[in-house]
């Protein structure tokens, strides 16, 4: 985890590496999804307050860096069991709160949050600037209906499938429905 136990600190070496990646991607015209939490790392934070602090700290760092090519993902697959130690990361209301903090502290960078393959939360989607969904474990029909749920959110938002299985045939479903596909 790049965060201190209280979430008020980010490892400077981690930030330097992230800065190089974000600036290089920007020069190439690429947008980077910066995921603030991934599964097992959250256990190193002492409580929900530390999670909020980490979101503030990372978001402020992005703002101060002047990055404009970033989509903030609060958590990758927030519904997996390892996030249960922090209800703010595991529950819809907590994710919505963290998205509000990230949006404010980052100066308005677009924010979203993903769940596991096939997971969809209308509440999280409505609070997102970019709807992040995963197609893992979904067949083509299931992925199609997942995309339709996301596209039904009003007002319309970009839909990004930022993780899917190795089934390249899923790319055809996403292309036909005008959404991205990420391996």
N, C-alpha and C. Protein backbone atom coordinates (compact mmCIF):
# COMPACT_ATOMS: atom_id res chain seq x y z
N UNK A 1 0.84 -1.18 0.00
CA UNK A 1 0.00 0.00 0.00
C UNK A 1 0.88 1.24 0.00
N UNK A 2 0.56 2.22 -0.82
CA UNK A 2 1.36 3.44 -0.83
C UNK A 2 1.01 4.39 0.32
N UNK A 3 -0.06 4.09 1.06
CA UNK A 3 -0.56 4.99 2.09
C UNK A 3 -0.01 4.64 3.48
N UNK A 4 0.13 5.67 4.31
CA UNK A 4 0.42 5.44 5.72
C UNK A 4 -0.81 4.88 6.42
N UNK A 5 -0.65 4.32 7.61
CA UNK A 5 -1.77 3.69 8.33
C UNK A 5 -2.95 4.62 8.55
N UNK A 6 -2.67 5.91 8.73
CA UNK A 6 -3.74 6.87 8.97
C UNK A 6 -4.26 7.50 7.68
N UNK A 7 -3.64 7.14 6.55
CA UNK A 7 -4.07 7.64 5.25
C UNK A 7 -3.64 9.05 4.94
N UNK A 8 -2.90 9.67 5.81
CA UNK A 8 -2.50 11.07 5.62
C UNK A 8 -1.17 11.22 4.89
N UNK A 9 -0.60 10.12 4.45
CA UNK A 9 0.73 10.14 3.84
C UNK A 9 0.73 9.19 2.65
N UNK A 10 1.40 9.59 1.58
CA UNK A 10 1.62 8.71 0.42
C UNK A 10 3.12 8.61 0.21
N UNK A 11 3.60 7.44 -0.04
CA UNK A 11 5.02 7.18 -0.28
C UNK A 11 5.53 8.07 -1.42
N UNK A 12 6.52 8.94 -1.15
CA UNK A 12 7.04 9.84 -2.19
C UNK A 12 7.61 9.10 -3.41
N UNK A 13 8.24 7.95 -3.20
CA UNK A 13 8.76 7.18 -4.34
C UNK A 13 7.62 6.70 -5.23
N UNK A 14 6.53 6.28 -4.62
CA UNK A 14 5.35 5.87 -5.38
C UNK A 14 4.82 7.05 -6.20
N UNK A 15 4.75 8.21 -5.58
CA UNK A 15 4.25 9.41 -6.27
C UNK A 15 5.16 9.79 -7.44
N UNK A 16 6.47 9.67 -7.27
CA UNK A 16 7.38 9.99 -8.37
C UNK A 16 7.16 9.05 -9.56
N UNK A 17 6.98 7.76 -9.27
CA UNK A 17 6.71 6.80 -10.36
C UNK A 17 5.39 7.12 -11.04
N UNK A 18 4.38 7.41 -10.25
CA UNK A 18 3.06 7.74 -10.80
C UNK A 18 3.14 9.00 -11.65
N UNK A 19 3.88 9.98 -11.20
CA UNK A 19 4.04 11.22 -11.96
C UNK A 19 4.65 10.93 -13.34
N UNK A 20 5.69 10.11 -13.37
CA UNK A 20 6.33 9.78 -14.67
C UNK A 20 5.33 9.09 -15.59
N UNK A 21 4.54 8.19 -15.06
CA UNK A 21 3.55 7.46 -15.87
C UNK A 21 2.48 8.41 -16.39
N UNK A 22 1.94 9.24 -15.51
CA UNK A 22 0.85 10.14 -15.92
C UNK A 22 1.33 11.16 -16.95
N UNK A 23 2.53 11.68 -16.78
CA UNK A 23 3.03 12.67 -17.74
C UNK A 23 3.36 12.03 -19.08
N UNK A 24 3.93 10.83 -19.06
CA UNK A 24 4.23 10.13 -20.32
C UNK A 24 2.94 9.78 -21.05
N UNK A 25 1.95 9.32 -20.31
CA UNK A 25 0.66 8.98 -20.92
C UNK A 25 0.03 10.23 -21.53
N UNK A 26 0.11 11.35 -20.82
CA UNK A 26 -0.45 12.60 -21.32
C UNK A 26 0.21 13.01 -22.63
N UNK A 27 1.52 12.86 -22.72
CA UNK A 27 2.23 13.20 -23.95
C UNK A 27 1.77 12.32 -25.12
N UNK A 28 1.33 11.12 -24.82
CA UNK A 28 0.84 10.20 -25.86
C UNK A 28 -0.65 10.36 -26.13
N UNK A 29 -1.29 11.28 -25.39
CA UNK A 29 -2.73 11.50 -25.55
C UNK A 29 -3.57 10.43 -24.88
N UNK A 30 -3.02 9.79 -23.85
CA UNK A 30 -3.72 8.71 -23.16
C UNK A 30 -4.32 9.17 -21.84
N UNK A 31 -5.46 8.59 -21.50
CA UNK A 31 -6.09 8.80 -20.21
C UNK A 31 -5.75 7.59 -19.34
N UNK A 32 -5.44 7.85 -18.09
CA UNK A 32 -5.06 6.80 -17.16
C UNK A 32 -6.14 6.66 -16.08
N UNK A 33 -6.55 5.43 -15.81
CA UNK A 33 -7.44 5.18 -14.69
C UNK A 33 -6.56 4.95 -13.46
N UNK A 34 -6.66 5.84 -12.50
CA UNK A 34 -5.90 5.73 -11.27
C UNK A 34 -6.83 5.14 -10.21
N UNK A 35 -6.56 3.90 -9.86
CA UNK A 35 -7.36 3.21 -8.85
C UNK A 35 -6.74 3.46 -7.48
N UNK A 36 -7.53 4.01 -6.57
CA UNK A 36 -7.01 4.35 -5.25
C UNK A 36 -6.87 3.15 -4.33
N UNK A 37 -7.72 2.14 -4.52
CA UNK A 37 -7.66 0.95 -3.67
C UNK A 37 -7.86 -0.31 -4.49
N UNK A 38 -7.05 -1.30 -4.15
CA UNK A 38 -7.16 -2.61 -4.77
C UNK A 38 -7.12 -3.64 -3.67
N UNK A 39 -8.19 -4.38 -3.56
CA UNK A 39 -8.31 -5.50 -2.63
C UNK A 39 -7.53 -5.46 -1.34
N UNK A 40 -6.53 -6.27 -1.25
CA UNK A 40 -5.84 -6.55 0.00
C UNK A 40 -5.13 -5.34 0.60
N UNK A 41 -4.85 -4.30 -0.17
CA UNK A 41 -4.08 -3.18 0.39
C UNK A 41 -4.85 -2.40 1.45
N UNK A 42 -6.17 -2.41 1.40
CA UNK A 42 -6.94 -1.60 2.35
C UNK A 42 -6.76 -2.07 3.79
N UNK A 43 -6.38 -3.30 4.00
CA UNK A 43 -6.23 -3.80 5.37
C UNK A 43 -5.12 -3.09 6.14
N UNK A 44 -4.24 -2.40 5.42
CA UNK A 44 -3.16 -1.68 6.09
C UNK A 44 -3.61 -0.34 6.65
N UNK A 45 -4.81 0.11 6.28
CA UNK A 45 -5.35 1.36 6.82
C UNK A 45 -6.11 1.05 8.10
N UNK A 46 -5.96 1.90 9.11
CA UNK A 46 -6.47 1.56 10.44
C UNK A 46 -7.99 1.60 10.57
N UNK A 47 -8.69 2.44 9.80
CA UNK A 47 -10.14 2.52 9.94
C UNK A 47 -10.73 3.29 8.76
N UNK A 48 -12.05 3.49 8.79
CA UNK A 48 -12.71 4.20 7.70
C UNK A 48 -12.22 5.65 7.59
N UNK A 49 -11.88 6.26 8.71
CA UNK A 49 -11.32 7.61 8.68
C UNK A 49 -10.01 7.66 7.91
N UNK A 50 -9.19 6.62 8.07
CA UNK A 50 -7.93 6.55 7.33
C UNK A 50 -8.19 6.37 5.84
N UNK A 51 -9.24 5.64 5.48
CA UNK A 51 -9.61 5.48 4.08
C UNK A 51 -9.98 6.85 3.50
N UNK A 52 -10.81 7.60 4.22
CA UNK A 52 -11.17 8.94 3.76
C UNK A 52 -9.94 9.82 3.61
N UNK A 53 -9.03 9.76 4.59
CA UNK A 53 -7.80 10.54 4.51
C UNK A 53 -6.98 10.18 3.28
N UNK A 54 -6.88 8.88 2.99
CA UNK A 54 -6.11 8.43 1.82
C UNK A 54 -6.73 8.96 0.53
N UNK A 55 -8.06 8.95 0.45
CA UNK A 55 -8.73 9.49 -0.74
C UNK A 55 -8.43 10.98 -0.86
N UNK A 56 -8.51 11.71 0.24
CA UNK A 56 -8.20 13.14 0.22
C UNK A 56 -6.75 13.39 -0.22
N UNK A 57 -5.84 12.65 0.39
CA UNK A 57 -4.41 12.82 0.14
C UNK A 57 -4.08 12.54 -1.33
N UNK A 58 -4.54 11.42 -1.85
CA UNK A 58 -4.24 11.05 -3.23
C UNK A 58 -4.90 12.02 -4.22
N UNK A 59 -6.12 12.42 -3.93
CA UNK A 59 -6.85 13.33 -4.81
C UNK A 59 -6.19 14.70 -4.84
N UNK A 60 -5.76 15.17 -3.69
CA UNK A 60 -5.08 16.45 -3.61
C UNK A 60 -3.74 16.38 -4.35
N UNK A 61 -3.03 15.28 -4.22
CA UNK A 61 -1.77 15.10 -4.94
C UNK A 61 -2.01 15.20 -6.45
N UNK A 62 -3.06 14.58 -6.94
CA UNK A 62 -3.39 14.65 -8.36
C UNK A 62 -3.72 16.08 -8.78
N UNK A 63 -4.46 16.79 -7.94
CA UNK A 63 -4.80 18.18 -8.24
C UNK A 63 -3.54 19.04 -8.31
N UNK A 64 -2.69 18.90 -7.31
CA UNK A 64 -1.47 19.70 -7.26
C UNK A 64 -0.54 19.38 -8.42
N UNK A 65 -0.62 18.17 -8.95
CA UNK A 65 0.20 17.79 -10.11
C UNK A 65 -0.33 18.36 -11.42
N UNK A 66 -1.55 18.88 -11.39
CA UNK A 66 -2.13 19.48 -12.58
C UNK A 66 -2.53 18.47 -13.66
N UNK A 67 -2.73 17.24 -13.28
CA UNK A 67 -3.07 16.19 -14.25
C UNK A 67 -4.50 16.38 -14.76
N UNK A 68 -4.66 16.26 -16.04
CA UNK A 68 -5.99 16.37 -16.65
C UNK A 68 -6.36 15.10 -17.40
N UNK A 69 -5.47 14.14 -17.45
CA UNK A 69 -5.68 12.90 -18.19
C UNK A 69 -5.94 11.72 -17.25
N UNK A 70 -6.73 11.97 -16.19
CA UNK A 70 -6.94 10.96 -15.16
C UNK A 70 -8.43 10.74 -14.92
N UNK A 71 -8.81 9.49 -14.79
CA UNK A 71 -10.10 9.08 -14.24
C UNK A 71 -9.77 8.42 -12.91
N UNK A 72 -10.40 8.88 -11.85
CA UNK A 72 -10.17 8.29 -10.53
C UNK A 72 -11.14 7.13 -10.30
N UNK A 73 -10.60 5.98 -9.99
CA UNK A 73 -11.42 4.83 -9.58
C UNK A 73 -11.22 4.68 -8.07
N UNK A 74 -12.28 4.82 -7.32
CA UNK A 74 -12.15 4.72 -5.86
C UNK A 74 -11.60 3.36 -5.46
N UNK A 75 -12.22 2.30 -5.96
CA UNK A 75 -11.74 0.96 -5.64
C UNK A 75 -12.00 0.04 -6.82
N UNK A 76 -11.06 -0.84 -7.07
CA UNK A 76 -11.24 -1.86 -8.09
C UNK A 76 -11.96 -3.03 -7.45
N UNK A 77 -13.16 -3.33 -7.95
CA UNK A 77 -13.98 -4.44 -7.43
C UNK A 77 -14.28 -4.26 -5.93
N UNK A 78 -14.92 -3.16 -5.62
CA UNK A 78 -15.17 -2.81 -4.22
C UNK A 78 -16.03 -3.84 -3.49
N UNK A 79 -16.68 -4.73 -4.21
CA UNK A 79 -17.56 -5.71 -3.57
C UNK A 79 -16.87 -7.03 -3.22
N UNK A 80 -15.55 -7.12 -3.35
CA UNK A 80 -14.85 -8.34 -2.94
C UNK A 80 -14.70 -8.36 -1.42
N UNK A 81 -14.60 -9.55 -0.87
CA UNK A 81 -14.58 -9.74 0.58
C UNK A 81 -13.47 -8.97 1.30
N UNK A 82 -12.33 -8.79 0.67
CA UNK A 82 -11.21 -8.16 1.40
C UNK A 82 -11.48 -6.69 1.73
N UNK A 83 -12.48 -6.07 1.09
CA UNK A 83 -12.83 -4.69 1.44
C UNK A 83 -13.78 -4.63 2.64
N UNK A 84 -14.28 -5.76 3.08
CA UNK A 84 -15.27 -5.78 4.17
C UNK A 84 -14.72 -5.21 5.48
N UNK A 85 -13.40 -5.18 5.63
CA UNK A 85 -12.82 -4.62 6.87
C UNK A 85 -13.06 -3.11 6.96
N UNK A 86 -13.41 -2.49 5.85
CA UNK A 86 -13.73 -1.06 5.83
C UNK A 86 -15.08 -0.86 5.15
N UNK A 87 -16.15 -0.77 5.92
CA UNK A 87 -17.48 -0.60 5.33
C UNK A 87 -17.57 0.55 4.33
N UNK A 88 -16.79 1.59 4.53
CA UNK A 88 -16.84 2.73 3.61
C UNK A 88 -16.40 2.33 2.20
N UNK A 89 -15.59 1.29 2.09
CA UNK A 89 -15.16 0.78 0.77
C UNK A 89 -16.05 -0.34 0.25
N UNK A 90 -16.78 -0.98 1.12
CA UNK A 90 -17.57 -2.14 0.73
C UNK A 90 -19.03 -1.81 0.45
N UNK A 91 -19.52 -0.72 1.01
CA UNK A 91 -20.95 -0.40 0.90
C UNK A 91 -21.18 0.76 -0.06
N UNK A 92 -22.34 0.73 -0.72
CA UNK A 92 -22.67 1.77 -1.71
C UNK A 92 -22.58 3.18 -1.15
N UNK A 93 -23.18 3.42 0.01
CA UNK A 93 -23.17 4.77 0.58
C UNK A 93 -21.75 5.25 0.85
N UNK A 94 -20.89 4.36 1.30
CA UNK A 94 -19.50 4.72 1.54
C UNK A 94 -18.78 5.08 0.26
N UNK A 95 -19.00 4.30 -0.78
CA UNK A 95 -18.37 4.58 -2.07
C UNK A 95 -18.84 5.94 -2.59
N UNK A 96 -20.13 6.21 -2.50
CA UNK A 96 -20.65 7.51 -2.95
C UNK A 96 -19.98 8.64 -2.18
N UNK A 97 -19.83 8.48 -0.88
CA UNK A 97 -19.16 9.50 -0.06
C UNK A 97 -17.71 9.69 -0.51
N UNK A 98 -17.00 8.60 -0.74
CA UNK A 98 -15.61 8.69 -1.17
C UNK A 98 -15.49 9.34 -2.55
N UNK A 99 -16.46 9.08 -3.43
CA UNK A 99 -16.44 9.72 -4.74
C UNK A 99 -16.60 11.23 -4.60
N UNK A 100 -17.47 11.66 -3.71
CA UNK A 100 -17.67 13.10 -3.48
C UNK A 100 -16.38 13.75 -2.96
N UNK A 101 -15.72 13.07 -2.03
CA UNK A 101 -14.45 13.58 -1.50
C UNK A 101 -13.41 13.68 -2.61
N UNK A 102 -13.27 12.61 -3.40
CA UNK A 102 -12.28 12.59 -4.47
C UNK A 102 -12.54 13.68 -5.50
N UNK A 103 -13.77 13.84 -5.87
CA UNK A 103 -14.14 14.86 -6.87
C UNK A 103 -13.76 16.25 -6.36
N UNK A 104 -14.11 16.53 -5.11
CA UNK A 104 -13.84 17.84 -4.52
C UNK A 104 -12.34 18.09 -4.38
N UNK A 105 -11.64 17.14 -3.78
CA UNK A 105 -10.22 17.33 -3.48
C UNK A 105 -9.34 17.31 -4.73
N UNK A 106 -9.79 16.64 -5.78
CA UNK A 106 -8.99 16.56 -7.01
C UNK A 106 -9.22 17.77 -7.92
N UNK A 107 -10.15 18.61 -7.55
CA UNK A 107 -10.47 19.75 -8.39
C UNK A 107 -11.41 19.39 -9.52
N UNK A 108 -12.11 18.28 -9.37
CA UNK A 108 -13.13 17.93 -10.36
C UNK A 108 -12.75 16.85 -11.35
N UNK A 109 -11.71 16.07 -11.06
CA UNK A 109 -11.41 14.94 -11.96
C UNK A 109 -12.60 13.99 -11.99
N UNK A 110 -12.84 13.33 -13.12
CA UNK A 110 -13.94 12.37 -13.19
C UNK A 110 -13.68 11.18 -12.27
N UNK A 111 -14.74 10.70 -11.63
CA UNK A 111 -14.62 9.66 -10.61
C UNK A 111 -15.63 8.55 -10.89
N UNK A 112 -15.23 7.32 -10.59
CA UNK A 112 -16.10 6.15 -10.67
C UNK A 112 -15.61 5.08 -9.71
N UNK A 113 -16.26 3.93 -9.76
CA UNK A 113 -15.87 2.80 -8.92
C UNK A 113 -16.37 1.53 -9.58
N UNK A 114 -15.55 0.48 -9.59
CA UNK A 114 -15.98 -0.77 -10.22
C UNK A 114 -16.31 -1.83 -9.19
N UNK A 115 -17.09 -2.81 -9.65
CA UNK A 115 -17.37 -4.01 -8.88
C UNK A 115 -16.87 -5.21 -9.66
N UNK A 116 -17.10 -6.38 -9.16
CA UNK A 116 -16.67 -7.60 -9.85
C UNK A 116 -17.48 -7.81 -11.12
N UNK A 117 -17.08 -8.77 -11.93
CA UNK A 117 -17.75 -9.04 -13.20
C UNK A 117 -19.24 -9.24 -13.04
N UNK A 118 -20.02 -8.45 -13.77
CA UNK A 118 -21.47 -8.54 -13.73
C UNK A 118 -22.13 -7.69 -12.66
N UNK A 119 -21.35 -7.17 -11.71
CA UNK A 119 -21.90 -6.35 -10.62
C UNK A 119 -22.36 -5.01 -11.19
N UNK A 120 -23.50 -4.54 -10.71
CA UNK A 120 -23.97 -3.22 -11.09
C UNK A 120 -24.72 -2.61 -9.92
N UNK A 121 -24.36 -1.39 -9.59
CA UNK A 121 -25.06 -0.63 -8.55
C UNK A 121 -25.59 0.65 -9.18
N UNK A 122 -26.90 0.77 -9.23
CA UNK A 122 -27.51 1.98 -9.78
C UNK A 122 -27.08 3.20 -8.97
N UNK A 123 -27.03 3.05 -7.66
CA UNK A 123 -26.67 4.17 -6.78
C UNK A 123 -25.25 4.66 -7.08
N UNK A 124 -24.31 3.74 -7.21
CA UNK A 124 -22.93 4.12 -7.53
C UNK A 124 -22.86 4.69 -8.94
N UNK A 125 -23.55 4.09 -9.89
CA UNK A 125 -23.53 4.59 -11.26
C UNK A 125 -24.07 6.01 -11.34
N UNK A 126 -25.13 6.29 -10.61
CA UNK A 126 -25.72 7.63 -10.63
C UNK A 126 -24.79 8.67 -9.99
N UNK A 127 -23.93 8.25 -9.08
CA UNK A 127 -22.99 9.16 -8.42
C UNK A 127 -21.68 9.29 -9.20
N UNK A 128 -21.49 8.47 -10.20
CA UNK A 128 -20.24 8.44 -10.97
C UNK A 128 -20.23 9.45 -12.10
N UNK A 129 -19.04 9.91 -12.44
CA UNK A 129 -18.85 10.72 -13.65
C UNK A 129 -18.61 9.80 -14.84
N UNK A 130 -17.97 8.68 -14.58
CA UNK A 130 -17.70 7.63 -15.56
C UNK A 130 -18.15 6.33 -14.92
N UNK A 131 -19.00 5.58 -15.61
CA UNK A 131 -19.49 4.31 -15.07
C UNK A 131 -18.48 3.22 -15.43
N UNK A 132 -17.87 2.63 -14.41
CA UNK A 132 -16.85 1.59 -14.59
C UNK A 132 -17.48 0.24 -14.29
N UNK A 133 -17.45 -0.65 -15.29
CA UNK A 133 -17.99 -2.00 -15.09
C UNK A 133 -16.98 -3.04 -15.54
N UNK A 134 -17.13 -4.24 -15.00
CA UNK A 134 -16.26 -5.36 -15.35
C UNK A 134 -17.08 -6.44 -16.03
N UNK A 135 -16.53 -6.99 -17.08
CA UNK A 135 -17.20 -8.06 -17.80
C UNK A 135 -16.72 -9.45 -17.44
N UNK A 136 -15.79 -9.56 -16.50
CA UNK A 136 -15.24 -10.87 -16.13
C UNK A 136 -16.34 -11.87 -15.82
N UNK A 137 -16.22 -13.06 -16.36
CA UNK A 137 -17.16 -14.12 -16.06
C UNK A 137 -18.51 -13.99 -16.75
N UNK A 138 -18.68 -12.99 -17.58
CA UNK A 138 -19.95 -12.78 -18.26
C UNK A 138 -19.90 -13.35 -19.67
N UNK A 139 -20.99 -13.96 -20.09
CA UNK A 139 -21.04 -14.34 -21.50
C UNK A 139 -21.46 -13.10 -22.29
N UNK A 140 -21.54 -13.23 -23.60
CA UNK A 140 -21.84 -12.06 -24.45
C UNK A 140 -23.20 -11.45 -24.12
N UNK A 141 -24.21 -12.29 -23.89
CA UNK A 141 -25.54 -11.77 -23.54
C UNK A 141 -25.52 -11.03 -22.20
N UNK A 142 -24.88 -11.63 -21.21
CA UNK A 142 -24.81 -11.00 -19.88
C UNK A 142 -24.08 -9.67 -19.96
N UNK A 143 -23.00 -9.63 -20.75
CA UNK A 143 -22.27 -8.38 -20.91
C UNK A 143 -23.14 -7.33 -21.60
N UNK A 144 -23.88 -7.74 -22.60
CA UNK A 144 -24.78 -6.83 -23.31
C UNK A 144 -25.77 -6.20 -22.32
N UNK A 145 -26.40 -7.02 -21.49
CA UNK A 145 -27.40 -6.50 -20.53
C UNK A 145 -26.75 -5.64 -19.45
N UNK A 146 -25.54 -5.95 -19.07
CA UNK A 146 -24.81 -5.12 -18.12
C UNK A 146 -24.55 -3.73 -18.73
N UNK A 147 -24.15 -3.71 -19.97
CA UNK A 147 -23.93 -2.44 -20.67
C UNK A 147 -25.24 -1.65 -20.76
N UNK A 148 -26.33 -2.34 -21.03
CA UNK A 148 -27.63 -1.64 -21.14
C UNK A 148 -28.04 -1.01 -19.81
N UNK A 149 -27.77 -1.69 -18.70
CA UNK A 149 -28.05 -1.10 -17.39
C UNK A 149 -27.26 0.19 -17.21
N UNK A 150 -25.99 0.15 -17.57
CA UNK A 150 -25.14 1.33 -17.41
C UNK A 150 -25.59 2.46 -18.33
N UNK A 151 -25.96 2.12 -19.55
CA UNK A 151 -26.38 3.15 -20.51
C UNK A 151 -27.75 3.74 -20.17
N UNK A 152 -28.50 3.07 -19.32
CA UNK A 152 -29.83 3.57 -18.93
C UNK A 152 -29.76 4.65 -17.86
N UNK A 153 -28.61 4.84 -17.24
CA UNK A 153 -28.46 5.86 -16.20
C UNK A 153 -28.57 7.24 -16.85
N UNK A 154 -29.35 8.09 -16.24
CA UNK A 154 -29.54 9.46 -16.75
C UNK A 154 -29.10 10.46 -15.71
N UNK A 155 -28.46 11.57 -16.09
CA UNK A 155 -28.05 11.82 -17.47
C UNK A 155 -26.98 10.82 -17.91
N UNK A 156 -26.86 10.68 -19.22
CA UNK A 156 -25.93 9.71 -19.81
C UNK A 156 -24.50 10.03 -19.39
N UNK A 157 -23.76 8.99 -19.09
CA UNK A 157 -22.34 9.11 -18.73
C UNK A 157 -21.53 8.16 -19.58
N UNK A 158 -20.23 8.42 -19.72
CA UNK A 158 -19.38 7.45 -20.42
C UNK A 158 -19.38 6.12 -19.65
N UNK A 159 -19.36 5.03 -20.39
CA UNK A 159 -19.27 3.69 -19.81
C UNK A 159 -17.92 3.11 -20.21
N UNK A 160 -17.17 2.68 -19.22
CA UNK A 160 -15.84 2.12 -19.44
C UNK A 160 -15.78 0.74 -18.82
N UNK A 161 -15.55 -0.25 -19.66
CA UNK A 161 -15.30 -1.61 -19.14
C UNK A 161 -13.79 -1.67 -18.95
N UNK A 162 -13.36 -1.47 -17.72
CA UNK A 162 -11.93 -1.38 -17.47
C UNK A 162 -11.31 -2.72 -17.06
N UNK A 163 -12.11 -3.78 -17.12
CA UNK A 163 -11.55 -5.10 -16.88
C UNK A 163 -12.51 -6.14 -17.44
N UNK A 164 -11.96 -7.08 -18.18
CA UNK A 164 -12.75 -8.17 -18.73
C UNK A 164 -11.86 -9.40 -18.84
N UNK A 165 -12.47 -10.50 -19.17
CA UNK A 165 -11.74 -11.76 -19.33
C UNK A 165 -10.90 -11.71 -20.60
N UNK A 166 -10.24 -12.79 -20.86
CA UNK A 166 -9.43 -12.88 -22.07
C UNK A 166 -10.27 -13.22 -23.30
N UNK A 167 -11.60 -13.26 -23.16
CA UNK A 167 -12.49 -13.58 -24.28
C UNK A 167 -12.59 -12.38 -25.21
N UNK A 168 -11.78 -12.36 -26.24
CA UNK A 168 -11.73 -11.24 -27.16
C UNK A 168 -13.07 -11.02 -27.85
N UNK A 169 -13.92 -12.02 -27.87
CA UNK A 169 -15.24 -11.86 -28.48
C UNK A 169 -16.08 -10.81 -27.74
N UNK A 170 -15.74 -10.53 -26.49
CA UNK A 170 -16.45 -9.49 -25.74
C UNK A 170 -16.23 -8.12 -26.38
N UNK A 171 -15.10 -7.95 -27.04
CA UNK A 171 -14.80 -6.68 -27.70
C UNK A 171 -15.87 -6.33 -28.72
N UNK A 172 -16.37 -7.32 -29.43
CA UNK A 172 -17.41 -7.07 -30.43
C UNK A 172 -18.68 -6.53 -29.78
N UNK A 173 -19.06 -7.08 -28.63
CA UNK A 173 -20.26 -6.62 -27.92
C UNK A 173 -20.08 -5.16 -27.50
N UNK A 174 -18.93 -4.83 -26.97
CA UNK A 174 -18.71 -3.46 -26.52
C UNK A 174 -18.65 -2.49 -27.70
N UNK A 175 -17.98 -2.89 -28.76
CA UNK A 175 -17.88 -2.02 -29.94
C UNK A 175 -19.27 -1.73 -30.51
N UNK A 176 -20.09 -2.75 -30.62
CA UNK A 176 -21.43 -2.58 -31.17
C UNK A 176 -22.31 -1.69 -30.28
N UNK A 177 -21.95 -1.58 -29.01
CA UNK A 177 -22.73 -0.78 -28.07
C UNK A 177 -22.07 0.55 -27.70
N UNK A 178 -20.98 0.86 -28.38
CA UNK A 178 -20.35 2.17 -28.21
C UNK A 178 -19.70 2.41 -26.87
N UNK A 179 -19.17 1.35 -26.24
CA UNK A 179 -18.45 1.53 -24.99
C UNK A 179 -17.05 0.94 -25.13
N UNK A 180 -16.18 1.32 -24.23
CA UNK A 180 -14.80 0.84 -24.29
C UNK A 180 -14.71 -0.61 -23.86
N UNK A 181 -13.57 -1.21 -24.10
CA UNK A 181 -13.31 -2.56 -23.63
C UNK A 181 -11.89 -2.63 -23.14
N UNK A 182 -11.70 -3.08 -21.91
CA UNK A 182 -10.38 -3.22 -21.34
C UNK A 182 -10.11 -4.65 -20.96
N UNK A 183 -8.96 -5.11 -21.35
CA UNK A 183 -8.55 -6.49 -21.09
C UNK A 183 -8.17 -6.65 -19.65
